[in-house]
N, C-alpha and C. Protein backbone atom coordinates (compact mmCIF):
# COMPACT_ATOMS: atom_id res chain seq x y z
N MET A 1 6.57 7.69 14.38
CA MET A 1 6.67 8.42 13.14
C MET A 1 5.30 8.48 12.47
N LYS A 2 4.97 9.60 11.92
CA LYS A 2 3.69 9.78 11.25
C LYS A 2 3.90 9.75 9.74
N LYS A 3 3.13 8.89 9.05
CA LYS A 3 3.24 8.80 7.60
C LYS A 3 2.51 9.96 6.95
N ILE A 4 3.15 10.60 5.97
CA ILE A 4 2.49 11.63 5.18
C ILE A 4 1.97 11.04 3.89
N ASN A 5 2.82 10.28 3.20
CA ASN A 5 2.50 9.88 1.85
C ASN A 5 3.16 8.55 1.52
N VAL A 6 2.48 7.72 0.76
CA VAL A 6 3.05 6.48 0.25
C VAL A 6 2.78 6.46 -1.24
N TYR A 7 3.82 6.32 -2.07
CA TYR A 7 3.62 6.30 -3.50
C TYR A 7 4.74 5.55 -4.19
N LYS A 8 4.47 5.06 -5.41
CA LYS A 8 5.49 4.40 -6.22
C LYS A 8 6.37 5.45 -6.84
N ARG A 9 7.64 5.17 -6.90
CA ARG A 9 8.60 6.11 -7.45
C ARG A 9 9.07 5.60 -8.80
N LYS A 10 8.92 6.40 -9.84
CA LYS A 10 9.30 5.98 -11.19
C LYS A 10 10.81 5.84 -11.30
N GLY A 11 11.27 4.78 -11.98
CA GLY A 11 12.68 4.59 -12.25
C GLY A 11 13.50 4.23 -11.03
N SER A 12 12.84 3.86 -9.95
CA SER A 12 13.57 3.52 -8.74
C SER A 12 13.53 2.03 -8.53
N GLU A 13 14.60 1.48 -7.95
CA GLU A 13 14.62 0.05 -7.68
C GLU A 13 13.71 -0.28 -6.51
N SER A 14 13.53 0.68 -5.60
CA SER A 14 12.64 0.44 -4.47
C SER A 14 11.21 0.60 -4.95
N ALA A 15 10.35 -0.28 -4.49
CA ALA A 15 8.97 -0.28 -4.95
C ALA A 15 8.17 0.85 -4.33
N VAL A 16 8.42 1.15 -3.07
CA VAL A 16 7.61 2.13 -2.37
C VAL A 16 8.54 3.05 -1.58
N THR A 17 8.20 4.32 -1.53
CA THR A 17 8.96 5.26 -0.72
C THR A 17 8.01 5.84 0.33
N LEU A 18 8.40 5.78 1.59
CA LEU A 18 7.62 6.38 2.66
C LEU A 18 8.28 7.71 3.00
N VAL A 19 7.51 8.77 3.07
CA VAL A 19 8.06 10.07 3.41
C VAL A 19 7.53 10.43 4.80
N THR A 20 8.44 10.67 5.73
CA THR A 20 8.08 10.93 7.11
C THR A 20 8.67 12.26 7.55
N PRO A 21 7.87 13.15 8.17
CA PRO A 21 8.43 14.42 8.60
C PRO A 21 9.29 14.26 9.84
N VAL A 22 10.42 14.97 9.88
CA VAL A 22 11.26 14.99 11.06
C VAL A 22 11.03 16.31 11.78
N THR A 23 11.18 17.44 11.09
CA THR A 23 10.82 18.74 11.65
C THR A 23 10.13 19.54 10.56
N CYS A 24 9.17 20.34 10.92
CA CYS A 24 8.45 21.15 9.94
C CYS A 24 8.32 22.58 10.45
N VAL A 25 8.67 23.54 9.60
CA VAL A 25 8.52 24.96 9.92
C VAL A 25 8.04 25.66 8.65
N GLY A 26 6.98 26.43 8.72
CA GLY A 26 6.56 27.19 7.54
C GLY A 26 5.13 26.93 7.14
N ARG A 27 4.73 27.54 6.03
CA ARG A 27 3.37 27.40 5.51
C ARG A 27 3.20 26.09 4.77
N VAL A 28 1.96 25.68 4.63
CA VAL A 28 1.64 24.46 3.89
C VAL A 28 1.21 24.84 2.48
N ARG A 29 1.71 24.15 1.48
CA ARG A 29 1.25 24.34 0.10
C ARG A 29 0.85 22.97 -0.44
N THR A 30 0.08 22.95 -1.50
CA THR A 30 -0.39 21.70 -2.07
C THR A 30 0.40 21.37 -3.33
N GLU A 31 0.81 20.11 -3.46
CA GLU A 31 1.51 19.63 -4.65
C GLU A 31 0.76 18.42 -5.19
N ARG A 32 1.07 18.10 -6.43
CA ARG A 32 0.54 16.86 -7.00
C ARG A 32 1.65 15.84 -7.02
N VAL A 33 1.43 14.70 -6.37
CA VAL A 33 2.38 13.60 -6.36
C VAL A 33 1.65 12.40 -6.91
N MET A 34 2.14 11.88 -8.03
CA MET A 34 1.53 10.74 -8.69
C MET A 34 0.02 10.96 -8.92
N GLY A 35 -0.33 12.19 -9.32
CA GLY A 35 -1.71 12.50 -9.67
C GLY A 35 -2.62 12.82 -8.50
N LYS A 36 -2.08 12.82 -7.25
CA LYS A 36 -2.92 13.11 -6.08
C LYS A 36 -2.44 14.38 -5.42
N LYS A 37 -3.39 15.17 -4.89
CA LYS A 37 -3.02 16.38 -4.17
C LYS A 37 -2.46 15.98 -2.81
N VAL A 38 -1.32 16.57 -2.47
CA VAL A 38 -0.65 16.26 -1.21
C VAL A 38 -0.23 17.56 -0.56
N GLY A 39 -0.55 17.76 0.71
CA GLY A 39 -0.11 18.95 1.43
C GLY A 39 1.36 18.82 1.77
N ARG A 40 2.13 19.88 1.55
CA ARG A 40 3.56 19.89 1.83
C ARG A 40 3.92 21.15 2.61
N HIS A 41 4.83 21.05 3.54
CA HIS A 41 5.37 22.22 4.21
C HIS A 41 6.44 22.83 3.32
N THR A 42 6.55 24.16 3.35
CA THR A 42 7.51 24.82 2.46
C THR A 42 8.95 24.63 2.94
N ARG A 43 9.17 24.51 4.25
CA ARG A 43 10.53 24.28 4.75
C ARG A 43 10.48 23.12 5.73
N HIS A 44 11.19 22.08 5.41
CA HIS A 44 11.25 20.94 6.33
C HIS A 44 12.36 19.98 5.92
N ARG A 45 12.72 19.15 6.85
CA ARG A 45 13.64 18.05 6.55
C ARG A 45 12.80 16.80 6.46
N LEU A 46 13.13 15.94 5.52
CA LEU A 46 12.39 14.69 5.36
C LEU A 46 13.30 13.50 5.60
N GLU A 47 12.75 12.48 6.19
CA GLU A 47 13.45 11.22 6.35
C GLU A 47 12.79 10.26 5.36
N VAL A 48 13.56 9.74 4.41
CA VAL A 48 13.01 8.86 3.39
C VAL A 48 13.45 7.44 3.70
N ILE A 49 12.47 6.55 3.82
CA ILE A 49 12.74 5.14 4.10
C ILE A 49 12.36 4.35 2.86
N ARG A 50 13.30 3.61 2.30
CA ARG A 50 13.01 2.81 1.11
C ARG A 50 12.65 1.38 1.50
N ILE A 51 11.60 0.89 0.90
CA ILE A 51 11.20 -0.49 1.11
C ILE A 51 11.57 -1.25 -0.16
N GLU A 52 12.41 -2.25 -0.01
CA GLU A 52 12.86 -3.02 -1.17
C GLU A 52 11.70 -3.82 -1.77
N SER A 53 11.77 -4.05 -3.06
CA SER A 53 10.75 -4.85 -3.73
C SER A 53 10.95 -6.31 -3.35
N GLU A 54 9.87 -7.08 -3.41
CA GLU A 54 9.96 -8.51 -3.11
C GLU A 54 10.89 -9.21 -4.09
N HIS A 55 10.91 -8.75 -5.33
CA HIS A 55 11.78 -9.36 -6.33
C HIS A 55 13.25 -9.21 -5.94
N LYS A 56 13.64 -8.01 -5.50
CA LYS A 56 15.03 -7.79 -5.10
C LYS A 56 15.38 -8.61 -3.86
N ILE A 57 14.48 -8.65 -2.89
CA ILE A 57 14.71 -9.44 -1.68
C ILE A 57 14.88 -10.91 -2.06
N GLN A 58 14.02 -11.40 -2.95
CA GLN A 58 14.08 -12.80 -3.39
C GLN A 58 15.41 -13.11 -4.07
N THR A 59 15.87 -12.21 -4.94
CA THR A 59 17.15 -12.40 -5.62
C THR A 59 18.30 -12.42 -4.63
N ASP A 60 18.29 -11.49 -3.67
CA ASP A 60 19.34 -11.44 -2.65
C ASP A 60 19.36 -12.73 -1.82
N ILE A 61 18.19 -13.24 -1.48
CA ILE A 61 18.10 -14.46 -0.69
C ILE A 61 18.63 -15.65 -1.48
N MET A 62 18.25 -15.74 -2.75
CA MET A 62 18.73 -16.87 -3.57
C MET A 62 20.25 -16.86 -3.66
N LEU A 63 20.85 -15.69 -3.86
CA LEU A 63 22.31 -15.60 -3.95
C LEU A 63 22.97 -15.97 -2.62
N ALA A 64 22.44 -15.44 -1.52
CA ALA A 64 23.03 -15.71 -0.21
C ALA A 64 22.93 -17.19 0.15
N LEU A 65 21.79 -17.81 -0.09
CA LEU A 65 21.63 -19.23 0.24
C LEU A 65 22.52 -20.10 -0.63
N SER A 66 22.66 -19.76 -1.90
CA SER A 66 23.53 -20.53 -2.79
C SER A 66 24.98 -20.46 -2.31
N LYS A 67 25.41 -19.28 -1.87
CA LYS A 67 26.78 -19.13 -1.37
C LYS A 67 27.02 -19.90 -0.08
N LYS A 68 25.95 -20.11 0.71
CA LYS A 68 26.08 -20.80 2.00
C LYS A 68 25.90 -22.31 1.89
N GLY A 69 25.77 -22.83 0.68
CA GLY A 69 25.69 -24.28 0.51
C GLY A 69 24.28 -24.85 0.49
N PHE A 70 23.32 -24.10 0.02
CA PHE A 70 21.94 -24.57 -0.14
C PHE A 70 21.62 -24.60 -1.63
N THR A 71 20.75 -25.51 -2.02
CA THR A 71 20.22 -25.49 -3.38
C THR A 71 18.84 -24.84 -3.31
N VAL A 72 18.63 -23.83 -4.15
CA VAL A 72 17.40 -23.03 -4.08
C VAL A 72 16.73 -23.01 -5.44
N PHE A 73 15.39 -23.16 -5.43
CA PHE A 73 14.60 -23.10 -6.66
C PHE A 73 13.55 -22.01 -6.51
N ARG A 74 13.34 -21.26 -7.56
CA ARG A 74 12.26 -20.27 -7.59
C ARG A 74 11.03 -20.96 -8.15
N SER A 75 9.90 -20.77 -7.51
CA SER A 75 8.69 -21.44 -7.99
C SER A 75 7.66 -20.42 -8.47
N ASN A 76 7.00 -20.75 -9.55
CA ASN A 76 5.92 -19.92 -10.09
C ASN A 76 4.61 -20.63 -9.84
N ALA A 77 3.66 -19.91 -9.29
CA ALA A 77 2.35 -20.51 -9.00
C ALA A 77 1.30 -19.92 -9.93
N GLY A 78 0.22 -20.64 -10.09
CA GLY A 78 -0.88 -20.15 -10.91
C GLY A 78 -0.92 -20.81 -12.28
N ARG A 79 -1.48 -20.11 -13.24
CA ARG A 79 -1.64 -20.64 -14.60
C ARG A 79 -0.97 -19.73 -15.61
N VAL A 80 -0.52 -20.34 -16.71
CA VAL A 80 0.10 -19.60 -17.80
C VAL A 80 -0.55 -20.03 -19.11
N ARG A 81 -0.82 -19.07 -19.97
CA ARG A 81 -1.37 -19.39 -21.28
C ARG A 81 -0.24 -19.33 -22.30
N THR A 82 -0.08 -20.41 -23.06
CA THR A 82 0.98 -20.50 -24.07
C THR A 82 0.57 -19.76 -25.33
N GLU A 83 1.50 -19.60 -26.27
CA GLU A 83 1.21 -18.94 -27.54
C GLU A 83 0.14 -19.70 -28.33
N SER A 84 0.11 -21.01 -28.16
CA SER A 84 -0.87 -21.82 -28.89
C SER A 84 -2.25 -21.79 -28.24
N GLY A 85 -2.37 -21.10 -27.09
CA GLY A 85 -3.66 -20.97 -26.44
C GLY A 85 -3.91 -21.99 -25.34
N GLN A 86 -2.98 -22.90 -25.11
CA GLN A 86 -3.15 -23.89 -24.05
C GLN A 86 -2.87 -23.24 -22.69
N THR A 87 -3.56 -23.74 -21.67
CA THR A 87 -3.33 -23.27 -20.31
C THR A 87 -2.53 -24.32 -19.56
N ILE A 88 -1.44 -23.89 -18.95
CA ILE A 88 -0.59 -24.80 -18.19
C ILE A 88 -0.70 -24.42 -16.71
N MET A 89 -0.97 -25.42 -15.88
CA MET A 89 -1.03 -25.20 -14.44
C MET A 89 0.37 -25.36 -13.87
N LEU A 90 0.85 -24.34 -13.19
CA LEU A 90 2.16 -24.40 -12.55
C LEU A 90 1.95 -24.91 -11.13
N PHE A 91 2.68 -24.42 -10.16
CA PHE A 91 2.42 -24.81 -8.77
C PHE A 91 1.06 -24.27 -8.36
N PRO A 92 0.42 -24.88 -7.37
CA PRO A 92 -0.89 -24.38 -6.93
C PRO A 92 -0.78 -22.99 -6.30
N ARG A 93 -1.88 -22.24 -6.32
CA ARG A 93 -1.90 -20.91 -5.71
C ARG A 93 -1.52 -21.04 -4.23
N GLY A 94 -0.73 -20.10 -3.76
CA GLY A 94 -0.31 -20.12 -2.36
C GLY A 94 1.02 -20.81 -2.13
N PHE A 95 1.54 -21.48 -3.18
CA PHE A 95 2.83 -22.17 -3.03
C PHE A 95 3.92 -21.13 -2.81
N PRO A 96 4.91 -21.41 -1.94
CA PRO A 96 5.95 -20.42 -1.61
C PRO A 96 6.80 -20.01 -2.81
N ASP A 97 7.44 -18.85 -2.66
CA ASP A 97 8.27 -18.29 -3.73
C ASP A 97 9.56 -19.08 -3.95
N LEU A 98 10.17 -19.54 -2.88
CA LEU A 98 11.44 -20.28 -2.98
C LEU A 98 11.35 -21.60 -2.23
N CYS A 99 11.97 -22.62 -2.80
CA CYS A 99 12.07 -23.93 -2.16
C CYS A 99 13.49 -24.42 -2.37
N GLY A 100 13.89 -25.38 -1.59
CA GLY A 100 15.22 -25.93 -1.77
C GLY A 100 15.55 -26.91 -0.67
N PHE A 101 16.85 -27.24 -0.58
CA PHE A 101 17.29 -28.18 0.46
C PHE A 101 18.70 -27.85 0.92
N ARG A 102 18.99 -28.32 2.15
CA ARG A 102 20.33 -28.15 2.71
C ARG A 102 21.19 -29.28 2.20
N HIS A 103 22.41 -29.00 1.84
CA HIS A 103 23.32 -30.04 1.38
C HIS A 103 23.79 -30.91 2.54
N SER A 104 23.87 -30.34 3.74
CA SER A 104 24.40 -31.07 4.89
C SER A 104 23.55 -32.28 5.26
N ASP A 105 22.23 -32.15 5.24
CA ASP A 105 21.37 -33.26 5.65
C ASP A 105 20.17 -33.50 4.72
N GLY A 106 20.06 -32.73 3.64
CA GLY A 106 18.98 -32.93 2.68
C GLY A 106 17.64 -32.39 3.14
N ARG A 107 17.60 -31.62 4.23
CA ARG A 107 16.34 -31.09 4.76
C ARG A 107 15.73 -30.09 3.78
N PHE A 108 14.45 -30.27 3.48
CA PHE A 108 13.72 -29.46 2.51
C PHE A 108 13.18 -28.21 3.19
N PHE A 109 13.20 -27.07 2.48
CA PHE A 109 12.65 -25.83 3.03
C PHE A 109 11.82 -25.10 1.99
N CYS A 110 10.88 -24.29 2.48
CA CYS A 110 10.04 -23.43 1.64
C CYS A 110 10.03 -22.04 2.27
N LEU A 111 10.22 -21.02 1.44
CA LEU A 111 10.24 -19.63 1.91
C LEU A 111 9.24 -18.79 1.14
N GLU A 112 8.39 -18.11 1.85
CA GLU A 112 7.49 -17.13 1.26
C GLU A 112 8.16 -15.77 1.45
N ILE A 113 8.41 -15.05 0.36
CA ILE A 113 9.14 -13.79 0.41
C ILE A 113 8.14 -12.62 0.45
N LYS A 114 8.33 -11.74 1.41
CA LYS A 114 7.50 -10.54 1.54
C LYS A 114 8.40 -9.35 1.84
N ASN A 115 7.98 -8.16 1.41
CA ASN A 115 8.72 -6.96 1.78
C ASN A 115 8.25 -6.53 3.16
N ALA A 116 8.73 -5.39 3.63
CA ALA A 116 8.42 -4.94 4.99
C ALA A 116 6.93 -4.75 5.24
N LYS A 117 6.18 -4.42 4.21
CA LYS A 117 4.74 -4.18 4.36
C LYS A 117 3.87 -5.36 3.90
N GLY A 118 4.48 -6.36 3.26
CA GLY A 118 3.71 -7.45 2.66
C GLY A 118 3.03 -8.35 3.68
N ARG A 119 1.84 -8.85 3.32
CA ARG A 119 1.08 -9.77 4.17
C ARG A 119 0.74 -11.02 3.36
N LEU A 120 0.57 -12.12 4.08
CA LEU A 120 0.20 -13.37 3.42
C LEU A 120 -1.25 -13.30 2.94
N ARG A 121 -1.49 -13.80 1.73
CA ARG A 121 -2.84 -13.93 1.20
C ARG A 121 -3.49 -15.15 1.87
N PRO A 122 -4.81 -15.27 1.82
CA PRO A 122 -5.47 -16.42 2.43
C PRO A 122 -4.96 -17.77 1.90
N ASP A 123 -4.70 -17.87 0.58
CA ASP A 123 -4.20 -19.14 0.04
C ASP A 123 -2.78 -19.44 0.54
N GLN A 124 -1.99 -18.41 0.82
CA GLN A 124 -0.65 -18.62 1.36
C GLN A 124 -0.72 -19.05 2.83
N LYS A 125 -1.67 -18.50 3.57
CA LYS A 125 -1.88 -18.93 4.96
C LYS A 125 -2.31 -20.39 5.02
N LEU A 126 -3.18 -20.78 4.09
CA LEU A 126 -3.64 -22.16 4.02
C LEU A 126 -2.49 -23.11 3.73
N PHE A 127 -1.61 -22.73 2.80
CA PHE A 127 -0.45 -23.56 2.49
C PHE A 127 0.47 -23.66 3.71
N ALA A 128 0.66 -22.56 4.44
CA ALA A 128 1.52 -22.56 5.63
C ALA A 128 0.99 -23.55 6.67
N GLN A 129 -0.33 -23.57 6.88
CA GLN A 129 -0.92 -24.53 7.83
C GLN A 129 -0.70 -25.96 7.35
N PHE A 130 -0.88 -26.19 6.07
CA PHE A 130 -0.72 -27.53 5.49
C PHE A 130 0.72 -28.03 5.64
N ILE A 131 1.69 -27.21 5.26
CA ILE A 131 3.08 -27.66 5.20
C ILE A 131 3.68 -27.85 6.59
N LYS A 132 3.16 -27.15 7.59
CA LYS A 132 3.70 -27.28 8.95
C LYS A 132 3.39 -28.63 9.58
N SER A 133 2.50 -29.40 8.96
CA SER A 133 2.21 -30.74 9.48
C SER A 133 3.22 -31.77 8.97
N PHE A 134 4.19 -31.34 8.19
CA PHE A 134 5.23 -32.22 7.64
C PHE A 134 6.60 -31.75 8.13
N PRO A 135 7.61 -32.61 8.04
CA PRO A 135 8.96 -32.20 8.49
C PRO A 135 9.68 -31.31 7.47
N VAL A 136 9.07 -30.18 7.17
CA VAL A 136 9.61 -29.23 6.20
C VAL A 136 9.86 -27.91 6.93
N LEU A 137 10.98 -27.28 6.64
CA LEU A 137 11.27 -25.97 7.20
C LEU A 137 10.50 -24.93 6.39
N TYR A 138 9.63 -24.18 7.05
CA TYR A 138 8.81 -23.19 6.35
C TYR A 138 8.86 -21.88 7.11
N GLY A 139 8.88 -20.77 6.38
CA GLY A 139 8.80 -19.47 7.03
C GLY A 139 8.62 -18.34 6.03
N VAL A 140 8.26 -17.19 6.57
CA VAL A 140 8.14 -15.96 5.78
C VAL A 140 9.44 -15.20 5.98
N ALA A 141 10.08 -14.81 4.87
CA ALA A 141 11.35 -14.09 4.94
C ALA A 141 11.18 -12.70 4.36
N ARG A 142 11.59 -11.71 5.12
CA ARG A 142 11.55 -10.32 4.66
C ARG A 142 12.96 -9.80 4.39
N SER A 143 13.96 -10.65 4.65
CA SER A 143 15.36 -10.27 4.44
C SER A 143 16.20 -11.54 4.33
N VAL A 144 17.47 -11.37 3.98
CA VAL A 144 18.39 -12.50 3.91
C VAL A 144 18.55 -13.13 5.29
N ASP A 145 18.62 -12.30 6.33
CA ASP A 145 18.76 -12.82 7.70
C ASP A 145 17.57 -13.68 8.10
N ASP A 146 16.36 -13.25 7.74
CA ASP A 146 15.16 -14.05 8.04
C ASP A 146 15.24 -15.41 7.34
N ALA A 147 15.66 -15.40 6.09
CA ALA A 147 15.75 -16.64 5.32
C ALA A 147 16.78 -17.59 5.94
N LEU A 148 17.93 -17.06 6.32
CA LEU A 148 18.97 -17.90 6.94
C LEU A 148 18.49 -18.48 8.26
N GLU A 149 17.71 -17.70 9.01
CA GLU A 149 17.16 -18.20 10.26
C GLU A 149 16.23 -19.39 10.01
N VAL A 150 15.39 -19.31 8.99
CA VAL A 150 14.46 -20.39 8.69
C VAL A 150 15.20 -21.64 8.24
N VAL A 151 16.13 -21.51 7.31
CA VAL A 151 16.78 -22.70 6.74
C VAL A 151 17.81 -23.34 7.68
N ASN A 152 18.22 -22.61 8.72
CA ASN A 152 19.18 -23.18 9.68
C ASN A 152 18.51 -23.78 10.91
N ARG A 153 17.16 -23.81 10.93
CA ARG A 153 16.45 -24.43 12.05
C ARG A 153 16.72 -25.93 12.09
N GLU A 154 16.51 -26.49 13.26
CA GLU A 154 16.69 -27.95 13.40
C GLU A 154 15.41 -28.70 13.18
């Protein structure tokens, strides 16, 4: 499949919409999409693929894991400035989005949530190398199925 355009869609739950041509017949005209000129065929069918936002994937994973008997915590990394001007350090940069444990044996897990196009930042790669030296279940999850695969490992 050949990508024509990638842009954010206003008012949509999906963060990114990929527009891919299936068949094209006709002249090309130019349109403005999100402020950029884009060539469009006058008659064609489009296949639209929606990529879910990381926030939605994270919420779906938290709900699914909770229903399956896991305790899950959302973690915030970085720094926050309070109203009084103080800076509070949260988890270190690169710390995974979700952590928790299995009720069956108490095994701890960490999940980094990414959408279909998301990549690990260098600080997240560094954390992944660090945590794999301990008996912790760690993985990158792009869906509920990915998350269940990671937390059900032995």
